[in-house]
PDB file of N, CA and C in Angstrom:
ATOM      1  N   MET A   1      33.864 -10.285  64.409  1.00  0.00           N
ATOM      2  CA  MET A   1      34.858  -9.788  64.152  1.00  0.00           C
ATOM      3  C   MET A   1      34.524  -8.595  64.227  1.00  0.00           C
ATOM      4  N   PHE A   2      33.495  -8.138  64.211  1.00  0.00           N
ATOM      5  CA  PHE A   2      33.184  -6.725  64.474  1.00  0.00           C
ATOM      6  C   PHE A   2      32.122  -6.501  65.750  1.00  0.00           C
ATOM      7  N   GLY A   3      32.228  -7.321  66.254  1.00  0.00           N
ATOM      8  CA  GLY A   3      31.263  -7.772  67.502  1.00  0.00           C
ATOM      9  C   GLY A   3      29.730  -7.820  67.413  1.00  0.00           C
ATOM     10  N   HIS A   4      29.019  -8.033  68.401  1.00  0.00           N
ATOM     11  CA  HIS A   4      27.601  -7.988  68.245  1.00  0.00           C
ATOM     12  C   HIS A   4      27.027  -7.446  69.436  1.00  0.00           C
ATOM     13  N   GLY A   5      25.418  -7.762  69.650  1.00  0.00           N
ATOM     14  CA  GLY A   5      24.959  -7.199  70.826  1.00  0.00           C
ATOM     15  C   GLY A   5      24.810  -5.413  70.927  1.00  0.00           C
ATOM     16  N   PRO A   6      24.758  -4.993  72.140  1.00  0.00           N
ATOM     17  CA  PRO A   6      24.648  -3.667  72.200  1.00  0.00           C
ATOM     18  C   PRO A   6      26.034  -3.056  71.910  1.00  0.00           C
ATOM     19  N   HIS A   7      26.889  -3.551  71.697  1.00  0.00           N
ATOM     20  CA  HIS A   7      28.279  -2.695  71.313  1.00  0.00           C
ATOM     21  C   HIS A   7      28.549  -3.336  69.981  1.00  0.00           C
ATOM     22  N   PHE A   8      27.890  -3.426  69.185  1.00  0.00           N
ATOM     23  CA  PHE A   8      27.980  -3.690  67.672  1.00  0.00           C
ATOM     24  C   PHE A   8      28.729  -2.374  66.875  1.00  0.00           C
ATOM     25  N   CYS A   9      29.583  -2.568  66.400  1.00  0.00           N
ATOM     26  CA  CYS A   9      30.044  -1.591  65.566  1.00  0.00           C
ATOM     27  C   CYS A   9      29.410  -0.568  64.540  1.00  0.00           C
ATOM     28  N   LEU A  10      28.950   0.506  64.416  1.00  0.00           N
ATOM     29  CA  LEU A  10      28.194   1.339  63.581  1.00  0.00           C
ATOM     30  C   LEU A  10      28.700   0.994  62.029  1.00  0.00           C
ATOM     31  N   GLY A  11      30.100   0.911  62.023  1.00  0.00           N
ATOM     32  CA  GLY A  11      30.549   1.257  60.625  1.00  0.00           C
ATOM     33  C   GLY A  11      31.368  -0.293  60.292  1.00  0.00           C
ATOM     34  N   ALA A  12      30.663  -1.629  60.928  1.00  0.00           N
ATOM     35  CA  ALA A  12      30.736  -2.873  60.397  1.00  0.00           C
ATOM     36  C   ALA A  12      30.611  -3.197  59.062  1.00  0.00           C
ATOM     37  N   LEU A  13      29.089  -2.724  59.011  1.00  0.00           N
ATOM     38  CA  LEU A  13      28.978  -3.126  57.425  1.00  0.00           C
ATOM     39  C   LEU A  13      29.614  -2.441  56.257  1.00  0.00           C
ATOM     40  N   LEU A  14      30.375  -1.177  56.340  1.00  0.00           N
ATOM     41  CA  LEU A  14      31.036  -0.696  55.549  1.00  0.00           C
ATOM     42  C   LEU A  14      32.325  -1.212  55.562  1.00  0.00           C
ATOM     43  N   ALA A  15      32.893  -1.463  56.694  1.00  0.00           N
ATOM     44  CA  ALA A  15      34.072  -2.130  56.323  1.00  0.00           C
ATOM     45  C   ALA A  15      34.411  -3.391  56.014  1.00  0.00           C
ATOM     46  N   ARG A  16      32.942  -4.036  56.241  1.00  0.00           N
ATOM     47  CA  ARG A  16      32.765  -5.496  55.341  1.00  0.00           C
ATOM     48  C   ARG A  16      32.590  -5.281  54.079  1.00  0.00           C
ATOM     49  N   ALA A  17      32.316  -4.432  53.475  1.00  0.00           N
ATOM     50  CA  ALA A  17      31.871  -4.091  52.009  1.00  0.00           C
ATOM     51  C   ALA A  17      33.591  -3.613  51.376  1.00  0.00           C
ATOM     52  N   GLN A  18      33.792  -2.875  52.077  1.00  0.00           N
ATOM     53  CA  GLN A  18      35.292  -2.080  51.672  1.00  0.00           C
ATOM     54  C   GLN A  18      36.517  -3.505  51.561  1.00  0.00           C
ATOM     55  N   MET A  19      36.427  -4.526  52.659  1.00  0.00           N
ATOM     56  CA  MET A  19      37.213  -5.284  52.795  1.00  0.00           C
ATOM     57  C   MET A  19      37.103  -6.295  51.342  1.00  0.00           C
ATOM     58  N   MET A  20      35.690  -6.811  51.376  1.00  0.00           N
ATOM     59  CA  MET A  20      35.250  -7.415  50.203  1.00  0.00           C
ATOM     60  C   MET A  20      35.763  -6.678  48.728  1.00  0.00           C
ATOM     61  N   ALA A  21      35.465  -5.807  48.747  1.00  0.00           N
ATOM     62  CA  ALA A  21      36.069  -4.875  47.406  1.00  0.00           C
ATOM     63  C   ALA A  21      37.588  -5.077  47.224  1.00  0.00           C
ATOM     64  N   LEU A  22      38.032  -4.773  48.473  1.00  0.00           N
ATOM     65  CA  LEU A  22      40.061  -5.054  48.313  1.00  0.00           C
ATOM     66  C   LEU A  22      40.146  -6.270  47.897  1.00  0.00           C
ATOM     67  N   PHE A  23      39.782  -7.421  48.450  1.00  0.00           N
ATOM     68  CA  PHE A  23      40.309  -8.820  48.311  1.00  0.00           C
ATOM     69  C   PHE A  23      39.936  -9.200  46.947  1.00  0.00           C
ATOM     70  N   GLY A  24      38.521  -8.797  46.457  1.00  0.00           N
ATOM     71  CA  GLY A  24      37.995  -9.192  45.352  1.00  0.00           C
ATOM     72  C   GLY A  24      38.917  -8.651  44.306  1.00  0.00           C
ATOM     73  N   ASP A  25      39.468  -7.395  44.310  1.00  0.00           N
ATOM     74  CA  ASP A  25      40.165  -6.490  43.278  1.00  0.00           C
ATOM     75  C   ASP A  25      41.888  -7.280  43.393  1.00  0.00           C
ATOM     76  N   VAL A  26      42.282  -7.716  44.561  1.00  0.00           N
ATOM     77  CA  VAL A  26      43.470  -8.076  44.597  1.00  0.00           C
ATOM     78  C   VAL A  26      43.642  -9.547  44.136  1.00  0.00           C
ATOM     79  N   LEU A  27      42.570 -10.157  44.320  1.00  0.00           N
ATOM     80  CA  LEU A  27      42.601 -11.859  44.211  1.00  0.00           C
ATOM     81  C   LEU A  27      42.550 -12.013  42.744  1.00  0.00           C
ATOM     82  N   SER A  28      41.300 -11.149  41.706  1.00  0.00           N
ATOM     83  CA  SER A  28      41.242 -11.084  40.785  1.00  0.00           C
ATOM     84  C   SER A  28      42.564 -10.646  39.936  1.00  0.00           C
ATOM     85  N   ARG A  29      43.746  -9.986  40.070  1.00  0.00           N
ATOM     86  CA  ARG A  29      44.646  -9.395  39.786  1.00  0.00           C
ATOM     87  C   ARG A  29      45.907 -10.575  39.711  1.00  0.00           C
ATOM     88  N   THR A  30      45.666 -11.428  40.762  1.00  0.00           N
ATOM     89  CA  THR A  30      46.976 -12.406  40.838  1.00  0.00           C
ATOM     90  C   THR A  30      46.469 -13.667  40.493  1.00  0.00           C
ATOM     91  N   THR A  31      47.702 -14.353  40.415  1.00  0.00           N
ATOM     92  CA  THR A  31      47.530 -16.036  40.027  1.00  0.00           C
ATOM     93  C   THR A  31      47.914 -16.879  41.198  1.00  0.00           C
ATOM     94  N   TRP A  32      48.689 -16.200  41.638  1.00  0.00           N
ATOM     95  CA  TRP A  32      49.523 -16.902  42.883  1.00  0.00           C
ATOM     96  C   TRP A  32      49.620 -16.213  44.409  1.00  0.00           C
ATOM     97  N   LEU A  33      49.333 -16.375  45.379  1.00  0.00           N
ATOM     98  CA  LEU A  33      49.213 -15.712  46.516  1.00  0.00           C
ATOM     99  C   LEU A  33      49.886 -16.669  47.526  1.00  0.00           C
ATOM    100  N   ASP A  34      51.181 -16.252  48.331  1.00  0.00           N
ATOM    101  CA  ASP A  34      51.633 -17.129  49.170  1.00  0.00           C
ATOM    102  C   ASP A  34      52.124 -16.205  50.671  1.00  0.00           C
ATOM    103  N   ALA A  35      52.457 -16.869  51.887  1.00  0.00           N
ATOM    104  CA  ALA A  35      52.791 -15.994  53.128  1.00  0.00           C
ATOM    105  C   ALA A  35      54.036 -15.996  53.017  1.00  0.00           C
ATOM    106  N   ALA A  36      54.522 -14.643  53.348  1.00  0.00           N
ATOM    107  CA  ALA A  36      55.913 -14.195  53.089  1.00  0.00           C
ATOM    108  C   ALA A  36      56.563 -14.245  54.317  1.00  0.00           C
ATOM    109  N   GLY A  37      55.817 -14.700  55.447  1.00  0.00           N
ATOM    110  CA  GLY A  37      56.157 -14.779  56.853  1.00  0.00           C
ATOM    111  C   GLY A  37      55.019 -15.217  57.787  1.00  0.00           C
ATOM    112  N   ASP A  38      55.272 -15.034  59.008  1.00  0.00           N
ATOM    113  CA  ASP A  38      54.276 -15.648  60.093  1.00  0.00           C
ATOM    114  C   ASP A  38      53.462 -14.087  60.137  1.00  0.00           C
ATOM    115  N   PRO A  39      52.056 -14.350  60.596  1.00  0.00           N
ATOM    116  CA  PRO A  39      51.557 -13.218  60.930  1.00  0.00           C
ATOM    117  C   PRO A  39      51.714 -13.003  62.229  1.00  0.00           C
ATOM    118  N   VAL A  40      51.639 -11.652  62.646  1.00  0.00           N
ATOM    119  CA  VAL A  40      51.699 -10.857  63.864  1.00  0.00           C
ATOM    120  C   VAL A  40      50.282 -10.655  64.340  1.00  0.00           C
ATOM    121  N   LEU A  41      49.940 -11.256  65.133  1.00  0.00           N
ATOM    122  CA  LEU A  41      48.732 -10.945  66.224  1.00  0.00           C
ATOM    123  C   LEU A  41      48.821  -9.408  67.061  1.00  0.00           C
ATOM    124  N   LEU A  42      47.525  -8.934  67.028  1.00  0.00           N
ATOM    125  CA  LEU A  42      47.391  -7.853  68.146  1.00  0.00           C
ATOM    126  C   LEU A  42      47.244  -8.285  69.526  1.00  0.00           C
ATOM    127  N   ARG A  43      48.224  -7.589  70.291  1.00  0.00           N
ATOM    128  CA  ARG A  43      48.477  -7.960  71.778  1.00  0.00           C
ATOM    129  C   ARG A  43      47.477  -7.190  72.398  1.00  0.00           C
ATOM    130  N   SER A  44      46.173  -7.906  72.889  1.00  0.00           N
ATOM    131  CA  SER A  44      45.433  -6.962  73.277  1.00  0.00           C
ATOM    132  C   SER A  44      44.146  -8.133  74.041  1.00  0.00           C
ATOM    133  N   SER A  45      43.701  -7.897  75.061  1.00  0.00           N
ATOM    134  CA  SER A  45      42.725  -8.650  75.839  1.00  0.00           C
ATOM    135  C   SER A  45      41.119  -8.214  75.290  1.00  0.00           C
ATOM    136  N   PHE A  46      41.035  -7.111  74.546  1.00  0.00           N
ATOM    137  CA  PHE A  46      40.159  -6.842  74.215  1.00  0.00           C
ATOM    138  C   PHE A  46      39.389  -6.829  72.672  1.00  0.00           C
ATOM    139  N   GLN A  47      40.264  -7.042  71.946  1.00  0.00           N
ATOM    140  CA  GLN A  47      40.288  -7.481  70.497  1.00  0.00           C
ATOM    141  C   GLN A  47      41.208  -8.001  69.996  1.00  0.00           C
ATOM    142  N   ARG A  48      41.020  -9.117  68.926  1.00  0.00           N
ATOM    143  CA  ARG A  48      41.497 -10.109  68.518  1.00  0.00           C
ATOM    144  C   ARG A  48      41.615  -9.864  66.954  1.00  0.00           C
ATOM    145  N   GLY A  49      43.017  -9.692  66.345  1.00  0.00           N
ATOM    146  CA  GLY A  49      42.957  -9.548  65.189  1.00  0.00           C
ATOM    147  C   GLY A  49      44.266  -9.556  64.446  1.00  0.00           C
ATOM    148  N   VAL A  50      44.885  -9.404  63.464  1.00  0.00           N
ATOM    149  CA  VAL A  50      46.129  -9.685  62.682  1.00  0.00           C
ATOM    150  C   VAL A  50      46.393  -8.373  62.575  1.00  0.00           C
ATOM    151  N   LYS A  51      47.700  -7.932  62.959  1.00  0.00           N
ATOM    152  CA  LYS A  51      48.341  -6.816  63.228  1.00  0.00           C
ATOM    153  C   LYS A  51      49.340  -6.496  61.593  1.00  0.00           C
ATOM    154  N   HIS A  52      49.702  -7.728  61.226  1.00  0.00           N
ATOM    155  CA  HIS A  52      50.877  -7.786  60.141  1.00  0.00           C
ATOM    156  C   HIS A  52      50.672  -9.187  59.391  1.00  0.00           C
ATOM    157  N   LEU A  53      50.578  -8.970  58.178  1.00  0.00           N
ATOM    158  CA  LEU A  53      50.385 -10.287  57.336  1.00  0.00           C
ATOM    159  C   LEU A  53      51.177 -10.260  56.149  1.00  0.00           C
ATOM    160  N   PRO A  54      52.391 -10.369  56.196  1.00  0.00           N
ATOM    161  CA  PRO A  54      53.286 -10.477  55.186  1.00  0.00           C
ATOM    162  C   PRO A  54      52.754 -11.481  54.007  1.00  0.00           C
ATOM    163  N   LEU A  55      52.598 -10.875  52.822  1.00  0.00           N
ATOM    164  CA  LEU A  55      52.409 -11.989  51.599  1.00  0.00           C
ATOM    165  C   LEU A  55      53.262 -11.762  50.338  1.00  0.00           C
ATOM    166  N   ARG A  56      53.405 -12.710  49.708  1.00  0.00           N
ATOM    167  CA  ARG A  56      54.071 -12.699  48.342  1.00  0.00           C
ATOM    168  C   ARG A  56      53.018 -13.010  47.225  1.00  0.00           C
ATOM    169  N   TRP A  57      53.068 -12.137  46.118  1.00  0.00           N
ATOM    170  CA  TRP A  57      52.029 -12.850  44.955  1.00  0.00           C
ATOM    171  C   TRP A  57      52.662 -12.159  43.810  1.00  0.00           C
ATOM    172  N   GLN A  58      52.031 -13.009  42.610  1.00  0.00           N
ATOM    173  CA  GLN A  58      52.566 -12.883  41.217  1.00  0.00           C
ATOM    174  C   GLN A  58      51.169 -12.594  40.525  1.00  0.00           C
ATOM    175  N   SER A  59      51.698 -11.700  39.276  1.00  0.00           N
ATOM    176  CA  SER A  59      50.272 -11.259  38.714  1.00  0.00           C
ATOM    177  C   SER A  59      50.553 -11.777  37.266  1.00  0.00           C
TER     178      SER A  59
END
């Protein structure tokens, strides 16, 4: 996700910690989570990832 080897992202550990905190908080506040549409992927030959991921949830 954040690379490896000599080009490893220096902020990878912080980004992972932030994402874990974010998802942990969101998931603890919801009872139901579902996709509200198809994900939009990044159009890049350099980096693979999700650009948009529409979600629908109920608290």
